[in-house]
């Protein structure tokens, strides 16, 4: 359950940043708001997850395997 709390805090950080950004975008078209707020949310959320060390070593290995399927063979072993 500890990781769930960490995910909630990471989401809270990203949400607060997007709320501030959204305040400055009042009156902008909806697509601009979505793309402008969605991008920083994803970046802040992923950085927070990395800083809180939520994924385990095994999960990193699974991520490397999935990403490696889509890379050319010359780049597959550079992810380690």
N, C-alpha and C. Protein backbone atom coordinates (compact mmCIF):
# COMPACT_ATOMS: atom_id res chain seq x y z
N UNK A 1 0.82 -1.20 0.00
CA UNK A 1 0.00 0.00 0.00
C UNK A 1 0.86 1.26 0.00
N UNK A 2 2.13 1.12 0.35
CA UNK A 2 3.00 2.29 0.39
C UNK A 2 3.18 2.90 -1.00
N UNK A 3 3.29 2.03 -2.03
CA UNK A 3 3.46 2.54 -3.39
C UNK A 3 2.22 3.27 -3.89
N UNK A 4 1.05 2.85 -3.44
CA UNK A 4 -0.19 3.53 -3.83
C UNK A 4 -0.18 4.96 -3.29
N UNK A 5 0.29 5.13 -2.07
CA UNK A 5 0.41 6.47 -1.50
C UNK A 5 1.40 7.33 -2.25
N UNK A 6 2.51 6.72 -2.65
CA UNK A 6 3.51 7.45 -3.44
C UNK A 6 2.94 7.87 -4.79
N UNK A 7 2.17 6.99 -5.41
CA UNK A 7 1.53 7.34 -6.69
C UNK A 7 0.53 8.48 -6.50
N UNK A 8 -0.18 8.47 -5.39
CA UNK A 8 -1.13 9.55 -5.11
C UNK A 8 -0.41 10.88 -4.95
N UNK A 9 0.72 10.87 -4.27
CA UNK A 9 1.49 12.11 -4.08
C UNK A 9 2.07 12.58 -5.42
N UNK A 10 2.56 11.67 -6.24
CA UNK A 10 3.08 12.03 -7.56
C UNK A 10 1.98 12.64 -8.41
N UNK A 11 0.80 12.06 -8.35
CA UNK A 11 -0.33 12.59 -9.09
C UNK A 11 -0.74 13.97 -8.57
N UNK A 12 -0.66 14.15 -7.27
CA UNK A 12 -0.99 15.44 -6.67
C UNK A 12 -0.03 16.52 -7.13
N UNK A 13 1.27 16.22 -7.16
CA UNK A 13 2.26 17.18 -7.65
C UNK A 13 1.96 17.60 -9.08
N UNK A 14 1.70 16.62 -9.94
CA UNK A 14 1.42 16.91 -11.34
C UNK A 14 0.11 17.69 -11.49
N UNK A 15 -0.88 17.35 -10.68
CA UNK A 15 -2.16 18.04 -10.75
C UNK A 15 -2.04 19.49 -10.32
N UNK A 16 -1.27 19.75 -9.28
CA UNK A 16 -1.09 21.13 -8.82
C UNK A 16 -0.40 21.98 -9.88
N UNK A 17 0.59 21.42 -10.54
CA UNK A 17 1.28 22.16 -11.60
C UNK A 17 0.32 22.46 -12.75
N UNK A 18 -0.52 21.50 -13.10
CA UNK A 18 -1.47 21.71 -14.18
C UNK A 18 -2.57 22.69 -13.79
N UNK A 19 -2.95 22.70 -12.53
CA UNK A 19 -3.97 23.65 -12.08
C UNK A 19 -3.46 25.08 -12.20
N UNK A 20 -2.21 25.30 -11.85
CA UNK A 20 -1.61 26.63 -12.00
C UNK A 20 -1.55 27.01 -13.48
N UNK A 21 -1.10 26.10 -14.29
CA UNK A 21 -1.02 26.35 -15.73
C UNK A 21 -2.39 26.61 -16.32
N UNK A 22 -3.38 25.86 -15.89
CA UNK A 22 -4.76 26.01 -16.39
C UNK A 22 -5.32 27.39 -16.06
N UNK A 23 -4.95 27.92 -14.90
CA UNK A 23 -5.40 29.25 -14.49
C UNK A 23 -4.95 30.30 -15.50
N UNK A 24 -3.74 30.15 -16.03
CA UNK A 24 -3.21 31.12 -16.99
C UNK A 24 -3.77 30.92 -18.40
N UNK A 25 -4.43 29.81 -18.64
CA UNK A 25 -4.97 29.52 -19.97
C UNK A 25 -6.47 29.78 -20.07
N UNK A 26 -7.00 30.57 -19.18
CA UNK A 26 -8.43 30.86 -19.19
C UNK A 26 -8.82 31.49 -20.52
N UNK A 27 -9.84 30.94 -21.15
CA UNK A 27 -10.33 31.47 -22.42
C UNK A 27 -9.66 30.88 -23.65
N UNK A 28 -8.68 30.01 -23.47
CA UNK A 28 -8.00 29.38 -24.60
C UNK A 28 -8.88 28.26 -25.16
N UNK A 29 -8.68 27.89 -26.42
CA UNK A 29 -9.44 26.75 -26.98
C UNK A 29 -9.15 25.46 -26.20
N UNK A 30 -10.12 24.57 -26.19
CA UNK A 30 -10.02 23.35 -25.39
C UNK A 30 -8.84 22.47 -25.78
N UNK A 31 -8.55 22.37 -27.08
CA UNK A 31 -7.44 21.54 -27.51
C UNK A 31 -6.11 22.09 -26.99
N UNK A 32 -5.97 23.39 -27.00
CA UNK A 32 -4.75 24.02 -26.49
C UNK A 32 -4.61 23.75 -24.99
N UNK A 33 -5.71 23.85 -24.27
CA UNK A 33 -5.68 23.58 -22.83
C UNK A 33 -5.30 22.12 -22.58
N UNK A 34 -5.91 21.21 -23.31
CA UNK A 34 -5.63 19.79 -23.12
C UNK A 34 -4.17 19.46 -23.41
N UNK A 35 -3.67 19.93 -24.52
CA UNK A 35 -2.29 19.60 -24.88
C UNK A 35 -1.28 20.33 -24.00
N UNK A 36 -1.59 21.57 -23.62
CA UNK A 36 -0.67 22.33 -22.80
C UNK A 36 -0.63 21.80 -21.36
N UNK A 37 -1.74 21.32 -20.86
CA UNK A 37 -1.76 20.78 -19.49
C UNK A 37 -1.38 19.30 -19.45
N UNK A 38 -1.70 18.56 -20.48
CA UNK A 38 -1.41 17.13 -20.49
C UNK A 38 0.06 16.81 -20.57
N UNK A 39 0.79 17.58 -21.34
CA UNK A 39 2.22 17.32 -21.50
C UNK A 39 2.99 17.53 -20.19
N UNK A 40 2.84 18.68 -19.52
CA UNK A 40 3.56 18.81 -18.24
C UNK A 40 3.09 17.82 -17.18
N UNK A 41 1.80 17.47 -17.21
CA UNK A 41 1.31 16.48 -16.24
C UNK A 41 2.06 15.17 -16.41
N UNK A 42 2.16 14.71 -17.65
CA UNK A 42 2.86 13.44 -17.90
C UNK A 42 4.32 13.51 -17.50
N UNK A 43 4.97 14.61 -17.82
CA UNK A 43 6.40 14.75 -17.51
C UNK A 43 6.62 14.79 -16.00
N UNK A 44 5.85 15.62 -15.30
CA UNK A 44 6.00 15.74 -13.85
C UNK A 44 5.65 14.42 -13.16
N UNK A 45 4.61 13.75 -13.64
CA UNK A 45 4.20 12.48 -13.05
C UNK A 45 5.29 11.42 -13.21
N UNK A 46 5.85 11.32 -14.40
CA UNK A 46 6.91 10.33 -14.63
C UNK A 46 8.18 10.64 -13.84
N UNK A 47 8.53 11.91 -13.75
CA UNK A 47 9.70 12.28 -12.96
C UNK A 47 9.46 11.99 -11.48
N UNK A 48 8.26 12.27 -11.00
CA UNK A 48 7.93 12.00 -9.60
C UNK A 48 7.99 10.51 -9.30
N UNK A 49 7.48 9.71 -10.21
CA UNK A 49 7.53 8.26 -10.02
C UNK A 49 8.98 7.79 -9.95
N UNK A 50 9.82 8.36 -10.78
CA UNK A 50 11.24 7.99 -10.78
C UNK A 50 11.90 8.43 -9.47
N UNK A 51 11.60 9.65 -9.01
CA UNK A 51 12.21 10.14 -7.77
C UNK A 51 11.74 9.37 -6.55
N UNK A 52 10.50 8.91 -6.54
CA UNK A 52 9.99 8.13 -5.42
C UNK A 52 10.39 6.66 -5.51
N UNK A 53 11.06 6.28 -6.58
CA UNK A 53 11.55 4.90 -6.78
C UNK A 53 10.43 3.88 -6.64
N UNK A 54 9.36 4.12 -7.37
CA UNK A 54 8.20 3.23 -7.28
C UNK A 54 8.42 1.93 -8.05
N UNK A 55 8.88 1.97 -9.31
CA UNK A 55 9.08 0.69 -10.01
C UNK A 55 10.23 -0.11 -9.39
N UNK A 56 10.05 -1.41 -9.31
CA UNK A 56 11.09 -2.28 -8.78
C UNK A 56 12.10 -2.60 -9.87
N UNK A 57 13.17 -3.26 -9.48
CA UNK A 57 14.21 -3.64 -10.44
C UNK A 57 13.65 -4.59 -11.51
N UNK A 58 12.78 -5.50 -11.10
CA UNK A 58 12.16 -6.42 -12.06
C UNK A 58 11.25 -5.69 -13.04
N UNK A 59 10.55 -4.69 -12.56
CA UNK A 59 9.67 -3.92 -13.44
C UNK A 59 10.48 -3.12 -14.45
N UNK A 60 11.63 -2.60 -14.03
CA UNK A 60 12.51 -1.93 -14.99
C UNK A 60 12.96 -2.90 -16.09
N UNK A 61 13.24 -4.14 -15.71
CA UNK A 61 13.62 -5.15 -16.69
C UNK A 61 12.50 -5.43 -17.67
N UNK A 62 11.28 -5.48 -17.19
CA UNK A 62 10.13 -5.69 -18.08
C UNK A 62 9.97 -4.51 -19.04
N UNK A 63 10.17 -3.30 -18.53
CA UNK A 63 10.07 -2.12 -19.38
C UNK A 63 11.14 -2.17 -20.46
N UNK A 64 12.38 -2.54 -20.07
CA UNK A 64 13.46 -2.65 -21.06
C UNK A 64 13.14 -3.67 -22.13
N UNK A 65 12.54 -4.80 -21.74
CA UNK A 65 12.18 -5.83 -22.70
C UNK A 65 11.13 -5.34 -23.69
N UNK A 66 10.13 -4.64 -23.19
CA UNK A 66 9.07 -4.13 -24.07
C UNK A 66 9.61 -3.08 -25.02
N UNK A 67 10.42 -2.14 -24.51
CA UNK A 67 10.99 -1.11 -25.37
C UNK A 67 11.96 -1.74 -26.36
N UNK A 68 12.71 -2.75 -25.93
CA UNK A 68 13.67 -3.40 -26.81
C UNK A 68 13.06 -4.06 -28.03
N UNK A 69 11.81 -4.45 -27.93
CA UNK A 69 11.13 -5.07 -29.09
C UNK A 69 10.98 -4.09 -30.24
N UNK A 70 10.89 -2.80 -29.92
CA UNK A 70 10.63 -1.80 -30.95
C UNK A 70 11.89 -1.09 -31.42
N UNK A 71 13.03 -1.41 -30.82
CA UNK A 71 14.28 -0.79 -31.23
C UNK A 71 15.02 -1.68 -32.22
N UNK A 72 15.83 -1.08 -33.08
CA UNK A 72 16.67 -1.89 -33.95
C UNK A 72 17.65 -2.72 -33.11
N UNK A 73 18.11 -3.81 -33.65
CA UNK A 73 18.97 -4.72 -32.88
C UNK A 73 20.26 -4.06 -32.41
N UNK A 74 20.75 -3.06 -33.12
CA UNK A 74 21.99 -2.40 -32.71
C UNK A 74 21.80 -1.55 -31.46
N UNK A 75 20.56 -1.18 -31.11
CA UNK A 75 20.32 -0.34 -29.94
C UNK A 75 19.71 -1.10 -28.75
N UNK A 76 19.41 -2.34 -28.91
CA UNK A 76 18.69 -3.08 -27.86
C UNK A 76 19.46 -3.22 -26.55
N UNK A 77 20.75 -3.39 -26.60
CA UNK A 77 21.49 -3.66 -25.37
C UNK A 77 22.05 -2.40 -24.74
N UNK A 78 21.77 -1.27 -25.30
CA UNK A 78 22.25 -0.01 -24.74
C UNK A 78 21.33 0.50 -23.64
N UNK A 79 20.20 -0.14 -23.42
CA UNK A 79 19.28 0.30 -22.37
C UNK A 79 19.74 -0.12 -20.98
N UNK A 80 20.66 -1.06 -20.87
CA UNK A 80 21.10 -1.55 -19.56
C UNK A 80 21.95 -0.57 -18.91
